[in-house]
C-alpha atoms as a PDB file:
ATOM      1  CA  MET A   1     -28.672 -44.634 -24.406  1.00  0.00           C
ATOM      2  CA  PHE A   2     -25.603 -44.220 -22.481  1.00  0.00           C
ATOM      3  CA  TYR A   3     -25.004 -41.573 -19.803  1.00  0.00           C
ATOM      4  CA  VAL A   4     -21.551 -40.350 -18.692  1.00  0.00           C
ATOM      5  CA  GLY A   5     -21.533 -39.316 -15.172  1.00  0.00           C
ATOM      6  CA  ILE A   6     -18.943 -36.800 -13.972  1.00  0.00           C
ATOM      7  CA  THR A   7     -18.323 -36.139 -10.427  1.00  0.00           C
ATOM      8  CA  LEU A   8     -16.318 -33.212  -9.243  1.00  0.00           C
ATOM      9  CA  ASN A   9     -14.902 -32.838  -5.775  1.00  0.00           C
ATOM     10  CA  GLU A  10     -14.564 -29.465  -3.957  1.00  0.00           C
ATOM     11  CA  ASN A  11     -11.026 -28.789  -5.415  1.00  0.00           C
ATOM     12  CA  ASP A  12     -12.304 -29.670  -8.970  1.00  0.00           C
ATOM     13  CA  ARG A  13     -15.314 -27.253  -8.645  1.00  0.00           C
ATOM     14  CA  ARG A  14     -13.088 -24.485  -7.340  1.00  0.00           C
ATOM     15  CA  LEU A  15     -10.655 -24.886 -10.167  1.00  0.00           C
ATOM     16  CA  LEU A  16     -13.565 -24.864 -12.624  1.00  0.00           C
ATOM     17  CA  ILE A  17     -15.036 -21.724 -11.167  1.00  0.00           C
ATOM     18  CA  ILE A  18     -11.509 -20.078 -11.389  1.00  0.00           C
ATOM     19  CA  PHE A  19     -11.031 -21.055 -15.069  1.00  0.00           C
ATOM     20  CA  LEU A  20     -14.402 -19.826 -15.978  1.00  0.00           C
ATOM     21  CA  ILE A  21     -13.853 -16.499 -14.409  1.00  0.00           C
ATOM     22  CA  PHE A  22     -10.542 -16.242 -16.053  1.00  0.00           C
ATOM     23  CA  LEU A  23     -12.169 -16.799 -19.333  1.00  0.00           C
ATOM     24  CA  LEU A  24     -14.803 -14.268 -18.666  1.00  0.00           C
ATOM     25  CA  VAL A  25     -12.278 -11.680 -17.750  1.00  0.00           C
ATOM     26  CA  LEU A  26     -10.270 -12.386 -20.708  1.00  0.00           C
ATOM     27  CA  PHE A  27     -13.141 -12.140 -22.959  1.00  0.00           C
ATOM     28  CA  ILE A  28     -14.256  -8.724 -21.619  1.00  0.00           C
ATOM     29  CA  ILE A  29     -10.707  -7.433 -21.856  1.00  0.00           C
ATOM     30  CA  LEU A  30     -10.313  -8.655 -25.498  1.00  0.00           C
ATOM     31  CA  GLY A  31     -13.758  -7.309 -26.467  1.00  0.00           C
ATOM     32  CA  LEU A  32     -12.835  -3.948 -24.930  1.00  0.00           C
ATOM     33  CA  VAL A  33      -9.456  -3.596 -26.637  1.00  0.00           C
ATOM     34  CA  GLY A  34     -11.105  -4.733 -30.011  1.00  0.00           C
ATOM     35  CA  MET A  35     -13.935  -1.997 -29.545  1.00  0.00           C
ATOM     36  CA  GLY A  36     -11.186   0.647 -28.704  1.00  0.00           C
ATOM     37  CA  ILE A  37      -9.194  -0.342 -31.869  1.00  0.00           C
ATOM     38  CA  ARG A  38     -12.426  -0.358 -34.203  1.00  0.00           C
ATOM     39  CA  LEU A  39     -13.365   3.180 -32.903  1.00  0.00           C
ATOM     40  CA  LEU A  40      -9.884   4.473 -33.325  1.00  0.00           C
ATOM     41  CA  PHE A  41      -9.575   3.162 -36.995  1.00  0.00           C
ATOM     42  CA  LYS A  42     -13.171   4.704 -37.694  1.00  0.00           C
ATOM     43  CA  LYS A  43     -12.174   8.008 -36.303  1.00  0.00           C
ATOM     44  CA  GLN A  44      -8.922   8.134 -38.143  1.00  0.00           C
ATOM     45  CA  GLY A  45     -10.633   7.160 -41.303  1.00  0.00           C
ATOM     46  CA  LYS A  46     -12.879  10.131 -41.034  1.00  0.00           C
ATOM     47  CA  ARG A  47      -9.849  12.403 -40.532  1.00  0.00           C
ATOM     48  CA  VAL A  48      -8.274  11.029 -43.752  1.00  0.00           C
ATOM     49  CA  ASP A  49     -11.386  11.739 -45.675  1.00  0.00           C
ATOM     50  CA  SER A  50     -11.459  15.242 -44.025  1.00  0.00           C
ATOM     51  CA  PHE A  51      -8.025  16.379 -45.181  1.00  0.00           C
ATOM     52  CA  LEU A  52      -8.293  14.692 -48.527  1.00  0.00           C
ATOM     53  CA  HIS A  53     -11.866  15.823 -49.508  1.00  0.00           C
ATOM     54  CA  ASP A  54     -11.236  19.369 -50.925  1.00  0.00           C
ATOM     55  CA  PRO A  55      -8.010  18.744 -52.741  1.00  0.00           C
ATOM     56  CA  VAL A  56      -9.865  15.662 -54.434  1.00  0.00           C
ATOM     57  CA  VAL A  57     -13.080  17.349 -55.240  1.00  0.00           C
ATOM     58  CA  TYR A  58     -11.638  20.624 -56.486  1.00  0.00           C
ATOM     59  CA  ARG A  59      -9.134  18.489 -58.681  1.00  0.00           C
ATOM     60  CA  VAL A  60      -5.951  19.882 -56.844  1.00  0.00           C
ATOM     61  CA  ILE A  61      -5.079  16.037 -56.674  1.00  0.00           C
ATOM     62  CA  SER A  62      -5.575  14.364 -59.942  1.00  0.00           C
ATOM     63  CA  SER A  63      -3.847  11.019 -59.762  1.00  0.00           C
ATOM     64  CA  PRO A  64      -3.374   8.102 -57.408  1.00  0.00           C
ATOM     65  CA  GLU A  65       0.390   8.992 -57.105  1.00  0.00           C
ATOM     66  CA  HIS A  66      -0.234  12.576 -56.207  1.00  0.00           C
ATOM     67  CA  LEU A  67      -2.859  11.373 -53.789  1.00  0.00           C
ATOM     68  CA  LYS A  68      -0.408   9.034 -52.165  1.00  0.00           C
ATOM     69  CA  LYS A  69       2.357  11.674 -51.890  1.00  0.00           C
ATOM     70  CA  TYR A  70      -0.140  14.258 -50.412  1.00  0.00           C
ATOM     71  CA  GLY A  71      -1.745  11.737 -48.107  1.00  0.00           C
ATOM     72  CA  LYS A  72       1.579  10.472 -46.662  1.00  0.00           C
ATOM     73  CA  LYS A  73       2.810  13.919 -46.042  1.00  0.00           C
ATOM     74  CA  LYS A  74      -0.337  15.010 -44.299  1.00  0.00           C
ATOM     75  CA  ASN A  75      -0.296  11.663 -42.299  1.00  0.00           C
ATOM     76  CA  ALA A  76       3.296  12.068 -41.143  1.00  0.00           C
ATOM     77  CA  GLN A  77       2.503  15.725 -40.105  1.00  0.00           C
ATOM     78  CA  LEU A  78      -0.513  14.341 -38.025  1.00  0.00           C
ATOM     79  CA  PHE A  79       1.691  11.776 -36.495  1.00  0.00           C
ATOM     80  CA  VAL A  80       4.278  14.145 -35.488  1.00  0.00           C
ATOM     81  CA  ARG A  81       1.812  16.416 -34.059  1.00  0.00           C
ATOM     82  CA  GLU A  82      -0.055  13.543 -32.035  1.00  0.00           C
ATOM     83  CA  ALA A  83       3.159  11.875 -30.923  1.00  0.00           C
ATOM     84  CA  SER A  84       4.948  15.129 -29.776  1.00  0.00           C
ATOM     85  CA  PRO A  85       3.645  14.973 -26.202  1.00  0.00           C
ATOM     86  CA  ALA A  86       4.869  11.384 -25.948  1.00  0.00           C
ATOM     87  CA  ILE A  87       8.155  12.326 -27.225  1.00  0.00           C
ATOM     88  CA  LEU A  88       8.589  15.094 -24.868  1.00  0.00           C
ATOM     89  CA  ILE A  89       7.642  12.814 -21.897  1.00  0.00           C
ATOM     90  CA  GLY A  90      10.205  10.424 -23.070  1.00  0.00           C
ATOM     91  CA  LEU A  91      12.867  12.829 -23.391  1.00  0.00           C
ATOM     92  CA  ALA A  92      12.012  14.194 -19.918  1.00  0.00           C
ATOM     93  CA  LEU A  93      12.012  10.676 -18.537  1.00  0.00           C
ATOM     94  CA  LEU A  94      15.474   9.834 -20.065  1.00  0.00           C
ATOM     95  CA  ALA A  95      16.911  13.115 -18.630  1.00  0.00           C
ATOM     96  CA  PHE A  96      15.510  12.297 -15.167  1.00  0.00           C
ATOM     97  CA  TYR A  97      16.804   8.702 -15.356  1.00  0.00           C
ATOM     98  CA  VAL A  98      20.281   9.795 -16.385  1.00  0.00           C
ATOM     99  CA  VAL A  99      20.607  12.526 -13.793  1.00  0.00           C
ATOM    100  CA  TYR A 100      19.115  10.358 -10.997  1.00  0.00           C
ATOM    101  CA  SER A 101      21.308   7.251 -11.835  1.00  0.00           C
ATOM    102  CA  SER A 102      24.432   9.468 -12.076  1.00  0.00           C
ATOM    103  CA  ILE A 103      23.859  11.053  -8.756  1.00  0.00           C
ATOM    104  CA  ALA A 104      22.649   7.813  -6.932  1.00  0.00           C
ATOM    105  CA  GLY A 105      24.986   5.494  -8.839  1.00  0.00           C
ATOM    106  CA  GLU A 106      22.032   3.093  -9.355  1.00  0.00           C
ATOM    107  CA  TRP A 107      22.181   2.344 -13.191  1.00  0.00           C
ATOM    108  CA  ALA A 108      21.225  -1.439 -12.814  1.00  0.00           C
ATOM    109  CA  VAL A 109      18.299  -0.950 -10.568  1.00  0.00           C
ATOM    110  CA  ASN A 110      14.873  -2.726 -11.533  1.00  0.00           C
ATOM    111  CA  HIS A 111      12.573   0.112 -11.102  1.00  0.00           C
ATOM    112  CA  PHE A 112       9.551  -1.963 -12.021  1.00  0.00           C
ATOM    113  CA  GLU A 113      10.417  -4.248  -9.135  1.00  0.00           C
ATOM    114  CA  ARG A 114      10.571  -1.342  -6.703  1.00  0.00           C
ATOM    115  CA  PHE A 115       7.420   0.265  -8.049  1.00  0.00           C
ATOM    116  CA  SER A 116       5.564  -3.209  -7.439  1.00  0.00           C
ATOM    117  CA  THR A 117       5.434  -2.139  -3.764  1.00  0.00           C
ATOM    118  CA  VAL A 118       2.286  -0.121  -4.409  1.00  0.00           C
ATOM    119  CA  PHE A 119       0.485  -3.367  -5.321  1.00  0.00           C
ATOM    120  CA  TYR A 120      -0.482  -6.383  -3.423  1.00  0.00           C
ATOM    121  CA  ALA A 121       2.173  -9.098  -3.690  1.00  0.00           C
ATOM    122  CA  TYR A 122       1.391 -12.819  -3.452  1.00  0.00           C
ATOM    123  CA  ASP A 123       3.637 -15.812  -3.362  1.00  0.00           C
ATOM    124  CA  TRP A 124       2.902 -17.592  -6.491  1.00  0.00           C
ATOM    125  CA  ASN A 125       5.900 -19.880  -5.952  1.00  0.00           C
ATOM    126  CA  ASP A 126       4.171 -21.740  -3.012  1.00  0.00           C
ATOM    127  CA  GLU A 127       3.893 -25.264  -4.182  1.00  0.00           C
ATOM    128  CA  SER A 128       0.821 -25.985  -1.713  1.00  0.00           C
ATOM    129  CA  ILE A 129      -1.460 -23.802  -3.816  1.00  0.00           C
ATOM    130  CA  TYR A 130      -1.223 -26.022  -7.010  1.00  0.00           C
ATOM    131  CA  VAL A 131      -2.631 -29.305  -7.918  1.00  0.00           C
ATOM    132  CA  THR A 132      -2.271 -31.633 -10.899  1.00  0.00           C
ATOM    133  CA  LEU A 133      -5.516 -32.199 -12.635  1.00  0.00           C
ATOM    134  CA  TRP A 134      -5.659 -34.266 -15.888  1.00  0.00           C
ATOM    135  CA  GLY A 135      -1.905 -33.866 -16.409  1.00  0.00           C
ATOM    136  CA  MET A 136      -1.950 -30.093 -15.968  1.00  0.00           C
ATOM    137  CA  ARG A 137      -0.641 -28.138 -13.052  1.00  0.00           C
ATOM    138  CA  LEU A 138      -3.305 -25.636 -12.130  1.00  0.00           C
ATOM    139  CA  LEU A 139      -4.054 -23.261  -9.370  1.00  0.00           C
ATOM    140  CA  ASN A 140      -5.897 -24.885  -6.410  1.00  0.00           C
ATOM    141  CA  GLU A 141      -6.269 -21.759  -4.055  1.00  0.00           C
ATOM    142  CA  TRP A 142      -5.435 -18.219  -3.792  1.00  0.00           C
ATOM    143  CA  PRO A 143      -1.717 -17.749  -2.943  1.00  0.00           C
ATOM    144  CA  PRO A 144      -0.656 -16.300   0.549  1.00  0.00           C
ATOM    145  CA  LEU A 145      -0.105 -12.601   0.833  1.00  0.00           C
ATOM    146  CA  ILE A 146       3.468 -11.243   0.923  1.00  0.00           C
ATOM    147  CA  HIS A 147       2.756  -7.749   1.660  1.00  0.00           C
ATOM    148  CA  ALA A 148      -0.059  -5.129   1.158  1.00  0.00           C
ATOM    149  CA  PRO A 149       0.623  -1.986  -0.850  1.00  0.00           C
ATOM    150  CA  TYR A 150       3.092   0.425   0.855  1.00  0.00           C
ATOM    151  CA  LEU A 151       5.348   3.246  -0.035  1.00  0.00           C
ATOM    152  CA  GLU A 152       9.058   3.144   0.368  1.00  0.00           C
ATOM    153  CA  ALA A 153      10.743   6.482   0.787  1.00  0.00           C
ATOM    154  CA  SER A 154      14.106   5.350  -0.898  1.00  0.00           C
ATOM    155  CA  TYR A 155      12.210   4.097  -4.008  1.00  0.00           C
ATOM    156  CA  TRP A 156      10.715   7.525  -4.766  1.00  0.00           C
ATOM    157  CA  ALA A 157      12.568   7.804  -8.095  1.00  0.00           C
ATOM    158  CA  SER A 158      10.798   4.393  -9.234  1.00  0.00           C
ATOM    159  CA  TYR A 159       7.559   5.996  -8.451  1.00  0.00           C
ATOM    160  CA  VAL A 160       8.285   8.777 -10.796  1.00  0.00           C
ATOM    161  CA  ILE A 161       9.959   6.878 -13.617  1.00  0.00           C
ATOM    162  CA  VAL A 162       7.673   3.950 -13.998  1.00  0.00           C
ATOM    163  CA  PRO A 163       4.280   5.906 -14.197  1.00  0.00           C
ATOM    164  CA  LEU A 164       6.134   8.322 -16.839  1.00  0.00           C
ATOM    165  CA  PHE A 165       7.321   5.480 -18.906  1.00  0.00           C
ATOM    166  CA  LEU A 166       3.819   3.886 -18.924  1.00  0.00           C
ATOM    167  CA  VAL A 167       2.092   7.144 -19.919  1.00  0.00           C
ATOM    168  CA  PHE A 168       4.944   7.644 -22.780  1.00  0.00           C
ATOM    169  CA  LEU A 169       4.377   4.058 -23.958  1.00  0.00           C
ATOM    170  CA  VAL A 170       0.599   4.122 -24.113  1.00  0.00           C
ATOM    171  CA  TYR A 171       0.544   7.600 -25.575  1.00  0.00           C
ATOM    172  CA  TYR A 172       3.029   6.504 -28.395  1.00  0.00           C
ATOM    173  CA  LEU A 173       1.385   3.434 -29.050  1.00  0.00           C
ATOM    174  CA  VAL A 174      -2.110   5.110 -29.579  1.00  0.00           C
ATOM    175  CA  ALA A 175      -0.375   7.799 -31.959  1.00  0.00           C
ATOM    176  CA  ALA A 176       1.404   4.991 -33.933  1.00  0.00           C
ATOM    177  CA  MET A 177      -1.859   3.012 -34.238  1.00  0.00           C
ATOM    178  CA  ALA A 178      -3.677   6.105 -35.528  1.00  0.00           C
ATOM    179  CA  TYR A 179      -0.900   6.591 -38.041  1.00  0.00           C
ATOM    180  CA  LEU A 180      -1.393   3.027 -39.158  1.00  0.00           C
ATOM    181  CA  SER A 181      -5.201   3.467 -39.488  1.00  0.00           C
ATOM    182  CA  ARG A 182      -4.787   6.446 -41.523  1.00  0.00           C
ATOM    183  CA  ALA A 183      -2.090   4.906 -43.739  1.00  0.00           C
ATOM    184  CA  LEU A 184      -4.464   1.942 -44.320  1.00  0.00           C
ATOM    185  CA  THR A 185      -7.453   4.231 -45.186  1.00  0.00           C
ATOM    186  CA  LEU A 186      -5.192   6.164 -47.422  1.00  0.00           C
ATOM    187  CA  ARG A 187      -4.229   3.132 -49.329  1.00  0.00           C
ATOM    188  CA  SER A 188      -7.976   2.040 -49.789  1.00  0.00           C
ATOM    189  CA  ARG A 189      -8.882   5.610 -50.996  1.00  0.00           C
ATOM    190  CA  MET A 190      -6.269   5.359 -53.733  1.00  0.00           C
ATOM    191  CA  ARG A 191      -7.892   2.307 -55.095  1.00  0.00           C
ATOM    192  CA  THR A 192     -11.423   3.711 -54.945  1.00  0.00           C
ATOM    193  CA  VAL A 193     -11.283   7.327 -55.602  1.00  0.00           C
ATOM    194  CA  TYR A 194      -9.823   6.957 -59.165  1.00  0.00           C
ATOM    195  CA  GLU A 195     -11.366   3.687 -59.766  1.00  0.00           C
ATOM    196  CA  LYS A 196     -12.784   3.036 -63.351  1.00  0.00           C
ATOM    197  CA  THR A 197     -15.473   0.502 -63.446  1.00  0.00           C
ATOM    198  CA  LEU A 198     -18.297  -0.559 -66.006  1.00  0.00           C
ATOM    199  CA  GLU A 199     -20.249  -2.524 -63.347  1.00  0.00           C
ATOM    200  CA  GLY A 200     -23.898  -1.517 -63.803  1.00  0.00           C
ATOM    201  CA  TYR A 201     -23.140   0.432 -67.148  1.00  0.00           C
ATOM    202  CA  ASN A 202     -25.053  -0.173 -70.340  1.00  0.00           C
ATOM    203  CA  PHE A 203     -24.061   1.357 -73.498  1.00  0.00           C
ATOM    204  CA  TYR A 204     -27.564   1.713 -74.914  1.00  0.00           C
ATOM    205  CA  ASP A 205     -28.871   2.938 -71.601  1.00  0.00           C
ATOM    206  CA  ALA A 206     -26.318   5.539 -71.654  1.00  0.00           C
ATOM    207  CA  LEU A 207     -27.117   6.607 -75.137  1.00  0.00           C
ATOM    208  CA  LYS A 208     -30.849   6.879 -74.319  1.00  0.00           C
ATOM    209  CA  GLY A 209     -29.850   8.976 -71.243  1.00  0.00           C
ATOM    210  CA  ASP A 210     -27.673  11.254 -73.359  1.00  0.00           C
ATOM    211  CA  LYS A 211     -30.602  11.729 -75.950  1.00  0.00           C
ATOM    212  CA  GLU A 212     -32.992  12.454 -73.349  1.00  0.00           C
ATOM    213  CA  LYS A 213     -30.592  15.108 -71.697  1.00  0.00           C
ATOM    214  CA  ALA A 214     -30.100  16.763 -75.119  1.00  0.00           C
ATOM    215  CA  LEU A 215     -33.933  16.800 -75.718  1.00  0.00           C
ATOM    216  CA  ALA A 216     -34.513  18.403 -72.342  1.00  0.00           C
ATOM    217  CA  SER A 217     -31.792  20.856 -72.984  1.00  0.00           C
ATOM    218  CA  GLU A 218     -33.200  21.911 -76.324  1.00  0.00           C
ATOM    219  CA  ALA A 219     -36.727  22.227 -74.832  1.00  0.00           C
ATOM    220  CA  ALA A 220     -35.304  24.296 -72.008  1.00  0.00           C
ATOM    221  CA  LYS A 221     -33.625  26.609 -74.515  1.00  0.00           C
ATOM    222  CA  ALA A 222     -36.796  26.979 -76.579  1.00  0.00           C
ATOM    223  CA  GLU A 223     -38.903  27.939 -73.463  1.00  0.00           C
ATOM    224  CA  ILE A 224     -36.331  30.546 -72.463  1.00  0.00           C
ATOM    225  CA  LYS A 225     -36.501  31.964 -76.047  1.00  0.00           C
ATOM    226  CA  GLN A 226     -40.238  32.102 -76.039  1.00  0.00           C
ATOM    227  CA  GLU A 227     -40.257  33.995 -72.719  1.00  0.00           C
ATOM    228  CA  GLU A 228     -37.508  36.430 -73.941  1.00  0.00           C
ATOM    229  CA  ALA A 229     -39.675  36.978 -77.157  1.00  0.00           C
ATOM    230  CA  ALA A 230     -42.909  37.535 -75.108  1.00  0.00           C
ATOM    231  CA  ALA A 231     -41.127  40.039 -72.800  1.00  0.00           C
ATOM    232  CA  SER A 232     -39.676  41.844 -75.778  1.00  0.00           C
ATOM    233  CA  SER A 233     -43.142  42.238 -77.432  1.00  0.00           C
ATOM    234  CA  GLU A 234     -44.773  43.489 -74.278  1.00  0.00           C
ATOM    235  CA  GLN A 235     -41.922  46.213 -74.039  1.00  0.00           C
ATOM    236  CA  LYS A 236     -42.679  47.313 -77.533  1.00  0.00           C
ATOM    237  CA  SER A 237     -46.421  47.451 -76.936  1.00  0.00           C
END
C-alpha cells in the first residue's frame, strides 16, 4: 500500500481556505438564483393557466393556432403592464442624465466609478498579495485598503443615476424573464391541450364501457317511468 503525503505551509492553507470559502459562496449564490428562477417560472405558468382556462374550457378557443394567437396577445399585454414601471424609470433616468450632462458638461463621466465611493476600495493591483502556486497566480492575502466608504458632494448625480439604472435593469430583467416563462408554458399547452393520444386506450374496453353506459341509461329511464306511473295511479285513486 502506498501513501501520498501532502504538506501545506501556512500560505497554502490560507489559499485553500479562501478557495473553499469562494466555492461555498458561489454555490449559495447560484442556488438562490436557481430557486428564484424556478419559483418565477412556476408562478408565471399558473398565470398562463389562469387566463387560458375559461376560454379553453368553454370552447371559445378551439384550435392550437387560436390558442397561440390569444396566448401571445395576453402575454404581450402582461409584459407591457409589468414592464411599464421599469420603462418609466428608464425614461426618467434618461431625462435626468441628459439634463444634468447638458448643464454640467459631463457627458463622458464614468458614473459607476464615482458611485463606487460608497463601497470599500482595495488595491487589487498590489503584487505583494499574490503568489504562484502550481503554475497559477493566486491571492495570498487580503489587499490593502485604499479608502473606506464616503460621500463626495460633487458626485451627487452619480448617486442618483446608478441606483436608478440598477432598479430599471433588475425590474426589466424580471419582467422579461416572466414573459419568457409564460411563452414557454404557452408553447407547452399548445401541444398538450389539443393532444390526441391512444395511450391506455383499448377498443373493446371502450365498447364494453359504452354498452354498460347504455344499459345504465335505459335502466334509469325505466325507473323514472315506473315512478311516474306510480305517481299517476295514486293521483287517480
